[in-house]
Amino acid sequence: MNLAGFVDTHLAILPVLLPAATAMLLLLLGDAAGDTSGSHGHHRRKWARRLAMASVTLGLLLAARLAIEAHAGPGALRVYRVGEWPAPFGIVLVVDRLSALMLLLTACVALPVLVYASGGWDAHGRHFHALFQFQLMGLNGAFVTGDLFNLFVFFEVLLIASYVLMLHGQGRERYRVGVHYVVLNLAASALFLIGVALLYALTGTLNFADLALRVPRVTGPEAMVLQAAALLLLVVFGFKAALMPLAMWLPATYAAASAPVAALFAIMTKVGVYAIVRVHGVVFGADAGASAFTVQPLLLPLALLTSAVGVLGALAAHTLPRLIAWLTVASVGTVLAALGLFSAAAWSAALYYMANSTLVIAGLFLLAELVSAQRGEVGGRLEPATAVAQPTLLGLMLLLAAASVAGLPPLPGFIGKLMILEAALPHGGAVAVWAVVLTVGFLTLVGLARAGSILFWNVRRDMPSAASGASPRLIVATLALLAFGVAMSGFAEPLKRYTDAAAAQLLDRRAYAEAVLGERGLDSDTTRPYRITPEGSK
């Protein structure tokens, strides 16, 4: 088999294997931080950067190919059965339009962030590039896995990498919030396992396609236990996505992390959003029988609360990184509010807005450090300080990001919010959605305008000026993220067609099950819960 044929055959698993293999090669290469001989350490770091950059660039190309292939025709869907074991008995990876979109979004965030980190941040701690690759492995694996247990496995992979990346560069504040971050995530992981165990006990399967077929068959008292499992999983995914009241850990954690790590973490909250779509939107969706729409009464109000609390936290923030961290919470609330409408149009709007907000928030975290580094000892605190060395460039970048986050036309933030508002019109909660989305957008603009006026206009002349501006590498990496977000406005029509098709594909549960299980698995009991009936028979 030639290389092209090999890549085509194993394309679905390559986004997982590529960063895993790269991480292992980086570990074998060694860490420059532990090399006491300066020359050898410099060469090791240079080769580590080259290897990591090549891997992430190749990952971007693979993700782009998967996205193009996923949208090539109606129902296009790639299924990869690990070890050729048939689903639902073996591990299966599935790439549909949503998975491909998330892979592409991850790669679009990862590449500029890695370019930025290679400007010096990767030298502040050990094994940065290997940990970065393990984080990508966990993210990509979560987006392509076809069963709930392996979603848990990839959650743990990305979380373990994030624990160390969170402390990268060290510092007392990072250690303090890092302990909270680890403990809370371990508790959420324990709840995840309990929810998975309950689902398996009642359905006998954890494959997403099989679950979607078997959940409607669970009735009576068992359906109530199944609904309890679904609510337990909402707690877990809501914690990962920063859904109120489970989001209070995020602002301190993201604000304390180094700029490139916080920017990469911008995609991490979307894993929780993705899991809510897969589990609660599809498995426990409209066709789930007695368990249909289990979380619907909770998801929309909690999402609106998340968005409102997020923007109020941004208004009260005293540092620029913390303000951006709270805006991350507000943007997640807007996305989940659209998902809580449970319609194809709303889900399409959620996907479009989620992609744009992730790119802009990641860019803002990098921009925050560029600004802070030019303000002397004051750093990112929102108080008067010395004038920055590049006020025009950095000011225009902040203005562009603020306009997109707030939802000003013609930027993609405006398009995404407009799609959400239109999708909310037929819903009974339309008034609440409109009120919260519009108010949050206005207050976001106020908060960022306040921050911008302090950073660039309220200058203390008695303090020494900034020594120099940021390097071209850092500027280009930050601009790339903001440019990706702005480009979504120019390609709004084809992107909307893609998100419309992705939402429709998510709602076509039978087509998904047929692709994963085959025709024989649609109407037969592919698995059976192990239980003893009162009569003593299995």
Protein backbone atom coordinates (compact mmCIF):
# COMPACT_ATOMS: atom_id res chain seq x y z
CA MET A 1 0.00 0.00 0.00
CA ASN A 2 1.41 3.41 -0.95
CA LEU A 3 1.53 6.36 1.45
CA ALA A 4 -1.61 8.01 0.02
CA GLY A 5 -3.58 4.79 0.43
CA PHE A 6 -2.31 4.32 3.98
CA VAL A 7 -3.29 7.86 4.94
CA ASP A 8 -6.73 7.47 3.37
CA THR A 9 -7.35 4.16 5.16
CA HIS A 10 -6.30 5.41 8.59
CA LEU A 11 -7.24 9.08 8.22
CA ALA A 12 -9.77 9.02 11.08
CA ILE A 13 -7.22 7.85 13.66
CA LEU A 14 -4.27 9.94 12.46
CA PRO A 15 -5.35 13.09 14.39
CA VAL A 16 -4.92 10.98 17.55
CA LEU A 17 -1.83 9.01 16.58
CA LEU A 18 0.11 11.95 15.14
CA PRO A 19 0.35 14.02 18.36
CA ALA A 20 0.85 10.85 20.42
CA ALA A 21 3.80 9.76 18.27
CA THR A 22 5.20 13.30 18.23
CA ALA A 23 5.02 13.52 22.02
CA MET A 24 6.94 10.28 22.40
CA LEU A 25 9.61 11.44 19.93
CA LEU A 26 9.94 14.69 21.86
CA LEU A 27 10.41 12.78 25.10
CA LEU A 28 13.12 10.67 23.45
CA LEU A 29 14.76 13.83 22.13
CA GLY A 30 15.05 15.06 25.70
CA ASP A 31 14.29 18.34 27.36
CA ALA A 32 16.49 21.37 26.86
CA ALA A 33 15.61 22.75 30.30
CA GLY A 34 17.38 19.84 31.92
CA ASP A 35 20.55 20.19 29.83
CA THR A 36 23.26 22.08 31.69
CA SER A 37 25.41 22.47 28.57
CA GLY A 38 24.05 25.60 26.93
CA SER A 39 24.90 24.72 23.33
CA HIS A 40 23.32 21.28 23.41
CA GLY A 41 20.27 22.64 25.20
CA HIS A 42 19.77 25.30 22.55
CA HIS A 43 19.96 22.74 19.73
CA ARG A 44 17.54 20.40 21.47
CA ARG A 45 15.01 23.18 21.94
CA LYS A 46 15.38 24.21 18.29
CA TRP A 47 14.74 20.66 17.07
CA ALA A 48 11.85 20.22 19.50
CA ARG A 49 10.24 23.36 18.12
CA ARG A 50 10.72 22.18 14.53
CA LEU A 51 9.27 18.74 15.24
CA ALA A 52 6.30 20.12 17.15
CA MET A 53 5.60 22.73 14.50
CA ALA A 54 5.75 20.19 11.69
CA SER A 55 3.38 17.89 13.58
CA VAL A 56 0.81 20.59 14.28
CA THR A 57 0.98 21.85 10.69
CA LEU A 58 0.41 18.34 9.39
CA GLY A 59 -2.43 17.97 11.87
CA LEU A 60 -4.03 21.11 10.44
CA LEU A 61 -3.82 19.67 6.92
CA LEU A 62 -5.36 16.36 8.07
CA ALA A 63 -8.17 18.19 9.85
CA ALA A 64 -8.86 20.31 6.77
CA ARG A 65 -9.04 17.19 4.60
CA LEU A 66 -11.44 15.51 7.03
CA ALA A 67 -13.66 18.61 7.09
CA ILE A 68 -13.75 18.80 3.29
CA GLU A 69 -14.49 15.08 3.04
CA ALA A 70 -17.20 15.27 5.72
CA HIS A 71 -18.98 17.97 3.72
CA ALA A 72 -18.39 16.33 0.33
CA GLY A 73 -21.82 14.78 0.08
CA PRO A 74 -25.04 14.15 1.98
CA GLY A 75 -24.48 11.88 4.95
CA ALA A 76 -20.70 11.69 4.40
CA LEU A 77 -19.35 9.98 7.50
CA ARG A 78 -16.08 8.11 8.14
CA VAL A 79 -16.05 5.16 10.56
CA TYR A 80 -12.80 3.57 11.76
CA ARG A 81 -13.04 0.27 13.64
CA VAL A 82 -9.89 -0.26 15.71
CA GLY A 83 -8.63 -3.82 15.25
CA GLU A 84 -11.51 -4.48 12.84
CA TRP A 85 -13.75 -5.31 15.78
CA PRO A 86 -17.36 -4.54 14.87
CA ALA A 87 -19.27 -1.89 16.80
CA PRO A 88 -20.50 -1.82 19.48
CA PHE A 89 -18.13 -4.51 20.79
CA GLY A 90 -14.90 -2.83 19.72
CA ILE A 91 -13.48 0.66 19.84
CA VAL A 92 -14.83 2.79 17.03
CA LEU A 93 -13.84 6.26 15.86
CA VAL A 94 -16.39 8.30 13.93
CA VAL A 95 -15.76 11.50 11.97
CA ASP A 96 -18.91 13.35 10.98
CA ARG A 97 -19.29 17.04 10.18
CA LEU A 98 -19.27 18.08 13.84
CA SER A 99 -16.17 16.03 14.68
CA ALA A 100 -14.34 17.36 11.63
CA LEU A 101 -15.26 20.94 12.54
CA MET A 102 -13.92 20.49 16.07
CA LEU A 103 -10.68 18.92 14.79
CA LEU A 104 -10.17 21.83 12.40
CA LEU A 105 -10.95 24.39 15.11
CA THR A 106 -8.46 22.72 17.47
CA ALA A 107 -5.74 22.81 14.82
CA CYS A 108 -6.47 26.46 13.95
CA VAL A 109 -5.99 27.38 17.61
CA ALA A 110 -3.00 25.10 18.21
CA LEU A 111 -0.76 26.29 15.37
CA PRO A 112 -0.66 30.04 16.22
CA VAL A 113 -0.44 29.23 19.94
CA LEU A 114 2.57 26.98 19.32
CA VAL A 115 4.23 29.68 17.20
CA TYR A 116 3.69 32.12 20.07
CA ALA A 117 4.98 29.69 22.71
CA SER A 118 8.10 29.01 20.63
CA GLY A 119 9.00 32.67 21.04
CA GLY A 120 10.29 31.89 24.53
CA TRP A 121 7.49 30.55 26.72
CA ASP A 122 8.42 26.93 25.98
CA ALA A 123 11.76 27.51 27.73
CA HIS A 124 10.12 28.46 31.05
CA GLY A 125 9.50 24.85 32.08
CA ARG A 126 10.21 21.26 31.19
CA HIS A 127 8.75 19.18 28.36
CA PHE A 128 6.39 21.90 27.13
CA HIS A 129 6.18 20.59 23.57
CA ALA A 130 5.56 16.97 24.60
CA LEU A 131 2.78 18.07 26.97
CA PHE A 132 1.32 20.27 24.24
CA GLN A 133 1.13 17.24 21.94
CA PHE A 134 -0.47 15.06 24.61
CA GLN A 135 -3.07 17.79 25.12
CA LEU A 136 -3.82 17.74 21.39
CA MET A 137 -4.05 13.95 21.48
CA GLY A 138 -6.70 14.14 24.21
CA LEU A 139 -8.64 16.88 22.47
CA ASN A 140 -8.67 15.16 19.09
CA GLY A 141 -9.49 11.79 20.62
CA ALA A 142 -12.48 13.24 22.47
CA PHE A 143 -13.83 14.67 19.23
CA VAL A 144 -13.55 11.48 17.17
CA THR A 145 -14.37 8.75 19.66
CA GLY A 146 -17.59 6.86 19.05
CA ASP A 147 -18.30 5.66 22.58
CA LEU A 148 -18.78 7.18 26.01
CA PHE A 149 -16.09 5.29 27.89
CA ASN A 150 -13.36 6.32 25.47
CA LEU A 151 -14.64 9.86 25.76
CA PHE A 152 -13.81 9.52 29.47
CA VAL A 153 -10.36 8.13 28.59
CA PHE A 154 -9.52 11.03 26.29
CA PHE A 155 -10.90 13.47 28.87
CA GLU A 156 -8.33 12.12 31.30
CA VAL A 157 -5.50 12.32 28.76
CA LEU A 158 -6.14 15.98 28.02
CA LEU A 159 -6.71 16.78 31.69
CA ILE A 160 -3.46 15.16 32.85
CA ALA A 161 -1.56 17.18 30.25
CA SER A 162 -3.44 20.32 31.26
CA TYR A 163 -2.49 19.85 34.94
CA VAL A 164 1.20 20.17 34.09
CA LEU A 165 0.70 22.87 31.46
CA MET A 166 -1.29 24.86 34.00
CA LEU A 167 1.82 24.99 36.24
CA HIS A 168 4.22 25.66 33.34
CA GLY A 169 6.47 28.54 34.28
CA GLN A 170 5.72 27.93 37.98
CA GLY A 171 4.74 30.69 40.37
CA ARG A 172 2.85 30.77 43.66
CA GLU A 173 -0.49 31.79 42.13
CA ARG A 174 -0.34 28.98 39.58
CA TYR A 175 0.32 26.42 42.29
CA ARG A 176 -2.53 27.77 44.38
CA VAL A 177 -5.21 27.65 41.69
CA GLY A 178 -3.63 24.54 40.18
CA VAL A 179 -4.44 22.52 43.30
CA HIS A 180 -8.09 23.56 43.10
CA TYR A 181 -8.16 22.80 39.39
CA VAL A 182 -6.79 19.28 39.86
CA VAL A 183 -9.00 18.38 42.84
CA LEU A 184 -12.20 19.59 41.19
CA ASN A 185 -11.43 17.78 37.94
CA LEU A 186 -10.71 14.55 39.81
CA ALA A 187 -14.09 14.84 41.53
CA ALA A 188 -15.78 15.45 38.18
CA SER A 189 -14.01 12.41 36.72
CA ALA A 190 -15.35 10.24 39.55
CA LEU A 191 -18.88 11.43 38.80
CA PHE A 192 -18.26 10.72 35.11
CA LEU A 193 -17.46 7.09 35.90
CA ILE A 194 -20.62 6.75 38.03
CA GLY A 195 -22.75 8.14 35.20
CA VAL A 196 -21.10 5.81 32.69
CA ALA A 197 -21.68 2.82 34.99
CA LEU A 198 -25.38 3.64 35.35
CA LEU A 199 -25.81 3.96 31.60
CA TYR A 200 -24.08 0.66 30.97
CA ALA A 201 -26.06 -1.12 33.67
CA LEU A 202 -29.35 -0.07 32.08
CA THR A 203 -28.53 -0.31 28.37
CA GLY A 204 -25.61 -2.74 28.14
CA THR A 205 -23.68 -0.48 25.79
CA LEU A 206 -21.68 2.74 25.72
CA ASN A 207 -21.39 3.14 21.95
CA PHE A 208 -23.06 6.42 20.98
CA ALA A 209 -24.91 4.92 18.01
CA ASP A 210 -26.08 1.93 20.04
CA LEU A 211 -27.07 4.11 22.98
CA ALA A 212 -29.24 6.24 20.71
CA LEU A 213 -31.14 3.08 19.71
CA ARG A 214 -31.36 1.47 23.15
CA VAL A 215 -32.19 4.43 25.40
CA PRO A 216 -35.76 4.74 23.98
CA ARG A 217 -36.39 1.09 24.96
CA VAL A 218 -35.79 1.78 28.66
CA THR A 219 -39.13 2.52 30.32
CA GLY A 220 -40.75 2.55 33.73
CA PRO A 221 -38.68 2.94 36.90
CA GLU A 222 -35.48 2.16 35.00
CA ALA A 223 -36.07 5.20 32.83
CA MET A 224 -35.96 7.37 35.95
CA VAL A 225 -32.54 5.94 36.85
CA LEU A 226 -31.44 6.56 33.27
CA GLN A 227 -32.55 10.17 33.52
CA ALA A 228 -30.61 10.50 36.77
CA ALA A 229 -27.52 9.26 34.91
CA ALA A 230 -28.13 11.85 32.20
CA LEU A 231 -28.38 14.62 34.79
CA LEU A 232 -25.21 13.38 36.47
CA LEU A 233 -23.40 13.56 33.15
CA LEU A 234 -24.73 17.10 32.68
CA VAL A 235 -23.00 18.02 35.94
CA VAL A 236 -19.75 16.54 34.62
CA PHE A 237 -19.93 18.10 31.16
CA GLY A 238 -21.25 21.35 32.61
CA PHE A 239 -18.20 21.54 34.85
CA LYS A 240 -15.87 20.97 31.90
CA ALA A 241 -17.72 23.55 29.79
CA ALA A 242 -17.97 26.09 32.67
CA LEU A 243 -21.75 26.05 33.00
CA MET A 244 -23.09 27.91 36.04
CA PRO A 245 -23.01 27.23 38.92
CA LEU A 246 -20.01 25.02 38.08
CA ALA A 247 -17.91 27.69 36.35
CA MET A 248 -16.35 29.54 39.27
CA TRP A 249 -13.07 27.63 38.93
CA LEU A 250 -12.37 28.86 35.41
CA PRO A 251 -11.56 32.61 35.74
CA ALA A 252 -8.82 32.16 38.34
CA THR A 253 -7.36 29.14 36.53
CA TYR A 254 -7.23 30.68 33.07
CA ALA A 255 -6.01 34.04 34.38
CA ALA A 256 -3.14 32.40 36.28
CA ALA A 257 -1.98 30.20 33.38
CA SER A 258 0.68 31.42 30.97
CA ALA A 259 -0.68 33.16 27.88
CA PRO A 260 -0.18 30.30 25.36
CA VAL A 261 -1.59 27.75 27.81
CA ALA A 262 -4.68 29.87 28.49
CA ALA A 263 -5.13 30.33 24.74
CA LEU A 264 -5.00 26.57 24.20
CA PHE A 265 -7.42 26.09 27.10
CA ALA A 266 -9.94 28.18 25.14
CA ILE A 267 -10.68 25.04 23.11
CA MET A 268 -10.78 22.82 26.21
CA THR A 269 -14.10 24.17 27.47
CA LYS A 270 -15.57 23.26 24.08
CA VAL A 271 -14.98 19.58 24.82
CA GLY A 272 -17.67 19.88 27.48
CA VAL A 273 -19.95 21.65 25.00
CA TYR A 274 -19.29 18.92 22.43
CA ALA A 275 -20.11 16.20 24.97
CA ILE A 276 -23.41 17.89 25.85
CA VAL A 277 -24.36 17.90 22.17
CA ARG A 278 -23.43 14.24 21.68
CA VAL A 279 -25.01 12.87 24.84
CA HIS A 280 -27.87 15.17 25.77
CA GLY A 281 -28.67 16.55 22.34
CA VAL A 282 -28.56 13.24 20.43
CA VAL A 283 -28.73 10.23 22.76
CA PHE A 284 -31.23 11.92 25.10
CA GLY A 285 -32.80 14.03 22.36
CA ALA A 286 -36.20 14.01 20.70
CA ASP A 287 -36.28 10.26 19.97
CA ALA A 288 -35.17 9.05 23.41
CA GLY A 289 -38.62 7.85 24.47
CA ALA A 290 -39.35 8.32 28.16
CA SER A 291 -35.94 9.98 28.61
CA ALA A 292 -36.33 12.50 25.79
CA PHE A 293 -35.14 16.03 26.51
CA THR A 294 -34.08 15.14 30.04
CA VAL A 295 -31.92 18.24 30.49
CA GLN A 296 -34.04 20.68 28.46
CA PRO A 297 -35.74 22.32 31.48
CA LEU A 298 -32.32 23.02 33.00
CA LEU A 299 -29.94 23.71 30.13
CA LEU A 300 -31.42 26.93 28.72
CA PRO A 301 -31.90 28.81 32.01
CA LEU A 302 -28.50 27.72 33.32
CA ALA A 303 -26.88 28.76 30.04
CA LEU A 304 -28.46 32.21 30.18
CA LEU A 305 -27.36 32.53 33.80
CA THR A 306 -23.83 31.54 32.75
CA SER A 307 -23.72 34.22 30.10
CA ALA A 308 -25.04 36.89 32.46
CA VAL A 309 -22.69 36.02 35.33
CA GLY A 310 -19.78 35.82 32.91
CA VAL A 311 -20.22 39.35 31.62
CA LEU A 312 -20.77 40.73 35.13
CA GLY A 313 -17.53 39.06 36.19
CA ALA A 314 -15.80 40.69 33.23
CA LEU A 315 -17.09 44.11 34.30
CA ALA A 316 -15.78 43.55 37.82
CA ALA A 317 -12.38 42.18 36.76
CA HIS A 318 -9.28 44.06 37.91
CA THR A 319 -6.85 42.45 35.45
CA LEU A 320 -7.02 41.97 31.70
CA PRO A 321 -6.43 38.17 31.78
CA ARG A 322 -9.21 37.73 34.34
CA LEU A 323 -11.56 39.88 32.24
CA ILE A 324 -10.89 37.62 29.24
CA ALA A 325 -11.39 34.51 31.38
CA TRP A 326 -14.82 35.76 32.43
CA LEU A 327 -15.64 36.50 28.78
CA THR A 328 -14.82 32.84 28.10
CA VAL A 329 -17.57 31.91 30.56
CA ALA A 330 -19.98 34.37 28.93
CA SER A 331 -19.31 32.99 25.43
CA VAL A 332 -19.85 29.41 26.62
CA GLY A 333 -23.18 30.49 28.08
CA THR A 334 -24.26 31.92 24.73
CA VAL A 335 -23.31 28.70 22.92
CA LEU A 336 -25.13 26.50 25.44
CA ALA A 337 -28.20 28.75 25.29
CA ALA A 338 -28.41 28.05 21.57
CA LEU A 339 -28.00 24.32 22.21
CA GLY A 340 -30.73 24.53 24.84
CA LEU A 341 -33.22 25.57 22.16
CA PHE A 342 -32.97 22.02 20.72
CA SER A 343 -33.55 22.85 17.08
CA ALA A 344 -31.42 22.37 13.97
CA ALA A 345 -31.26 26.12 13.28
CA ALA A 346 -30.18 26.88 16.84
CA TRP A 347 -27.52 24.16 16.81
CA SER A 348 -26.16 25.49 13.53
CA ALA A 349 -25.93 28.97 15.07
CA ALA A 350 -24.23 27.54 18.16
CA LEU A 351 -21.54 25.84 16.09
CA TYR A 352 -20.84 28.97 14.05
CA TYR A 353 -20.66 31.22 17.11
CA MET A 354 -18.58 28.69 19.07
CA ALA A 355 -15.92 28.54 16.34
CA ASN A 356 -15.60 32.31 16.18
CA SER A 357 -15.64 32.93 19.93
CA THR A 358 -12.98 30.26 20.52
CA LEU A 359 -10.59 31.84 18.03
CA VAL A 360 -11.15 35.37 19.32
CA ILE A 361 -10.86 34.42 23.00
CA ALA A 362 -7.62 32.53 22.30
CA GLY A 363 -6.28 35.58 20.47
CA LEU A 364 -7.28 37.83 23.37
CA PHE A 365 -5.27 35.75 25.85
CA LEU A 366 -2.17 36.18 23.72
CA LEU A 367 -2.90 39.87 23.23
CA ALA A 368 -3.28 40.33 26.98
CA GLU A 369 0.29 39.20 27.53
CA LEU A 370 1.63 41.43 24.74
CA VAL A 371 0.01 44.41 26.42
CA SER A 372 1.01 43.39 29.95
CA ALA A 373 4.66 42.91 28.99
CA GLN A 374 4.85 46.56 27.82
CA ARG A 375 3.34 48.09 30.98
CA GLY A 376 6.21 47.49 33.37
CA GLU A 377 5.46 46.35 36.92
CA VAL A 378 1.75 47.09 36.57
CA GLY A 379 1.43 44.32 33.97
CA GLY A 380 -2.13 43.32 33.20
CA ARG A 381 -3.76 45.15 36.11
CA LEU A 382 -6.43 47.56 34.92
CA GLU A 383 -4.91 50.72 36.34
CA PRO A 384 -2.91 53.58 34.85
CA ALA A 385 0.67 52.76 33.88
CA THR A 386 3.37 53.62 31.40
CA ALA A 387 2.47 53.90 27.73
CA VAL A 388 2.89 50.68 25.75
CA ALA A 389 5.55 50.60 23.06
CA GLN A 390 3.10 49.64 20.28
CA PRO A 391 -0.11 51.49 21.15
CA THR A 392 -1.54 51.73 17.64
CA LEU A 393 -1.03 48.09 16.69
CA LEU A 394 -2.11 46.59 20.00
CA GLY A 395 -4.99 49.04 20.35
CA LEU A 396 -6.37 48.17 16.92
CA MET A 397 -6.05 44.45 17.69
CA LEU A 398 -8.00 44.89 20.93
CA LEU A 399 -10.62 46.98 19.13
CA LEU A 400 -11.07 44.30 16.48
CA ALA A 401 -11.38 41.52 19.05
CA ALA A 402 -13.76 43.55 21.22
CA ALA A 403 -16.04 44.31 18.28
CA SER A 404 -16.23 40.64 17.35
CA VAL A 405 -16.82 39.39 20.90
CA ALA A 406 -19.50 42.02 21.50
CA GLY A 407 -21.22 41.14 18.23
CA LEU A 408 -20.86 44.32 16.16
CA PRO A 409 -21.57 44.09 12.41
CA PRO A 410 -20.20 42.96 10.04
CA LEU A 411 -17.90 40.76 12.13
CA PRO A 412 -18.63 37.04 12.64
CA GLY A 413 -19.62 37.56 16.28
CA PHE A 414 -22.56 39.60 15.01
CA ILE A 415 -23.48 36.95 12.43
CA GLY A 416 -23.39 34.17 15.02
CA LYS A 417 -25.52 36.06 17.52
CA LEU A 418 -27.97 37.06 14.80
CA MET A 419 -28.34 33.39 13.85
CA ILE A 420 -29.02 32.52 17.50
CA LEU A 421 -31.64 35.26 17.86
CA GLU A 422 -33.42 34.16 14.68
CA ALA A 423 -33.40 30.53 15.80
CA ALA A 424 -34.90 31.53 19.17
CA LEU A 425 -37.98 33.23 17.68
CA PRO A 426 -40.23 30.11 17.59
CA HIS A 427 -39.17 29.06 21.10
CA GLY A 428 -41.14 29.89 24.23
CA GLY A 429 -38.05 31.38 25.84
CA ALA A 430 -37.32 33.74 22.96
CA VAL A 431 -37.77 36.89 25.08
CA ALA A 432 -35.24 35.69 27.66
CA VAL A 433 -32.75 34.65 24.98
CA TRP A 434 -33.01 37.96 23.16
CA ALA A 435 -32.75 39.98 26.38
CA VAL A 436 -29.70 38.12 27.67
CA VAL A 437 -27.80 37.87 24.37
CA LEU A 438 -28.27 41.55 23.52
CA THR A 439 -27.54 42.79 27.05
CA VAL A 440 -24.44 40.60 27.36
CA GLY A 441 -23.18 41.87 24.01
CA PHE A 442 -23.61 45.49 25.12
CA LEU A 443 -21.97 44.95 28.52
CA THR A 444 -19.11 43.06 26.86
CA LEU A 445 -18.43 46.11 24.71
CA VAL A 446 -18.58 48.34 27.79
CA GLY A 447 -16.15 46.13 29.70
CA LEU A 448 -13.61 45.93 26.90
CA ALA A 449 -13.95 49.66 26.13
CA ARG A 450 -13.23 50.41 29.80
CA ALA A 451 -10.20 48.14 29.70
CA GLY A 452 -8.95 49.67 26.46
CA SER A 453 -9.27 53.23 27.73
CA ILE A 454 -7.24 52.37 30.84
CA LEU A 455 -4.58 50.45 28.92
CA PHE A 456 -4.04 52.87 26.04
CA TRP A 457 -5.38 56.29 27.09
CA ASN A 458 -4.97 56.61 30.84
CA VAL A 459 -1.19 56.85 30.79
CA ARG A 460 1.07 57.96 33.62
CA ARG A 461 3.75 60.32 32.32
CA ASP A 462 5.83 60.01 35.50
CA MET A 463 6.64 56.36 34.75
CA PRO A 464 9.37 55.25 32.31
CA SER A 465 8.25 54.25 28.83
CA ALA A 466 8.25 50.64 27.67
CA ALA A 467 11.68 49.54 26.47
CA SER A 468 10.63 47.77 23.28
CA GLY A 469 7.72 46.23 21.45
CA ALA A 470 6.82 42.59 21.00
CA SER A 471 8.74 40.46 18.51
CA PRO A 472 7.25 39.86 15.05
CA ARG A 473 6.72 36.17 15.90
CA LEU A 474 4.42 37.02 18.81
CA ILE A 475 2.54 39.67 16.85
CA VAL A 476 1.99 37.38 13.86
CA ALA A 477 0.75 34.51 16.03
CA THR A 478 -1.77 36.75 17.79
CA LEU A 479 -2.90 38.37 14.56
CA ALA A 480 -3.35 34.94 12.98
CA LEU A 481 -5.94 33.92 15.58
CA LEU A 482 -7.82 37.20 15.22
CA ALA A 483 -7.59 36.95 11.42
CA PHE A 484 -9.03 33.41 11.47
CA GLY A 485 -12.00 34.77 13.39
CA VAL A 486 -12.51 37.74 11.08
CA ALA A 487 -12.21 35.49 8.00
CA MET A 488 -15.34 33.69 9.17
CA SER A 489 -17.27 36.81 8.20
CA GLY A 490 -16.02 36.67 4.62
CA PHE A 491 -16.87 32.98 4.38
CA ALA A 492 -20.09 33.22 6.37
CA GLU A 493 -22.32 31.68 3.69
CA PRO A 494 -20.33 28.46 3.07
CA LEU A 495 -19.65 28.12 6.80
CA LYS A 496 -23.35 28.44 7.55
CA ARG A 497 -24.10 25.77 4.96
CA TYR A 498 -21.60 23.54 6.73
CA THR A 499 -23.03 24.15 10.21
CA ASP A 500 -26.58 23.68 8.87
CA ALA A 501 -25.55 20.32 7.42
CA ALA A 502 -23.74 19.38 10.64
CA ALA A 503 -26.83 20.12 12.75
CA ALA A 504 -29.08 18.15 10.38
CA GLN A 505 -26.65 15.23 10.47
CA LEU A 506 -26.69 15.21 14.26
CA LEU A 507 -30.47 14.89 14.27
CA ASP A 508 -30.41 11.98 11.80
CA ARG A 509 -29.77 9.31 14.42
CA ARG A 510 -30.70 6.39 12.18
CA ALA A 511 -28.19 7.31 9.48
CA TYR A 512 -25.46 7.62 12.12
CA ALA A 513 -26.40 4.23 13.62
CA GLU A 514 -26.48 2.58 10.20
CA ALA A 515 -23.01 3.89 9.36
CA VAL A 516 -21.54 2.77 12.70
CA LEU A 517 -23.44 -0.46 13.39
CA GLY A 518 -24.43 -1.54 9.91
CA GLU A 519 -27.94 -2.53 8.88
CA ARG A 520 -27.92 -5.63 11.09
CA GLY A 521 -27.40 -3.53 14.19
CA LEU A 522 -30.38 -1.27 13.63
CA ASP A 523 -33.18 -3.59 14.60
CA SER A 524 -31.44 -6.28 16.65
CA ASP A 525 -30.19 -6.39 20.22
CA THR A 526 -26.49 -5.94 19.60
CA THR A 527 -25.73 -6.10 23.32
CA ARG A 528 -27.62 -7.08 26.41
CA PRO A 529 -27.35 -5.84 30.00
CA TYR A 530 -26.18 -8.57 32.35
CA ARG A 531 -28.87 -8.93 34.97
CA ILE A 532 -30.68 -11.68 36.87
CA THR A 533 -34.47 -11.66 36.59
CA PRO A 534 -36.67 -12.68 39.55
CA GLU A 535 -37.24 -16.02 37.82
CA GLY A 536 -33.52 -16.67 37.91
CA SER A 537 -32.93 -16.58 34.16
CA LYS A 538 -30.57 -14.20 32.38
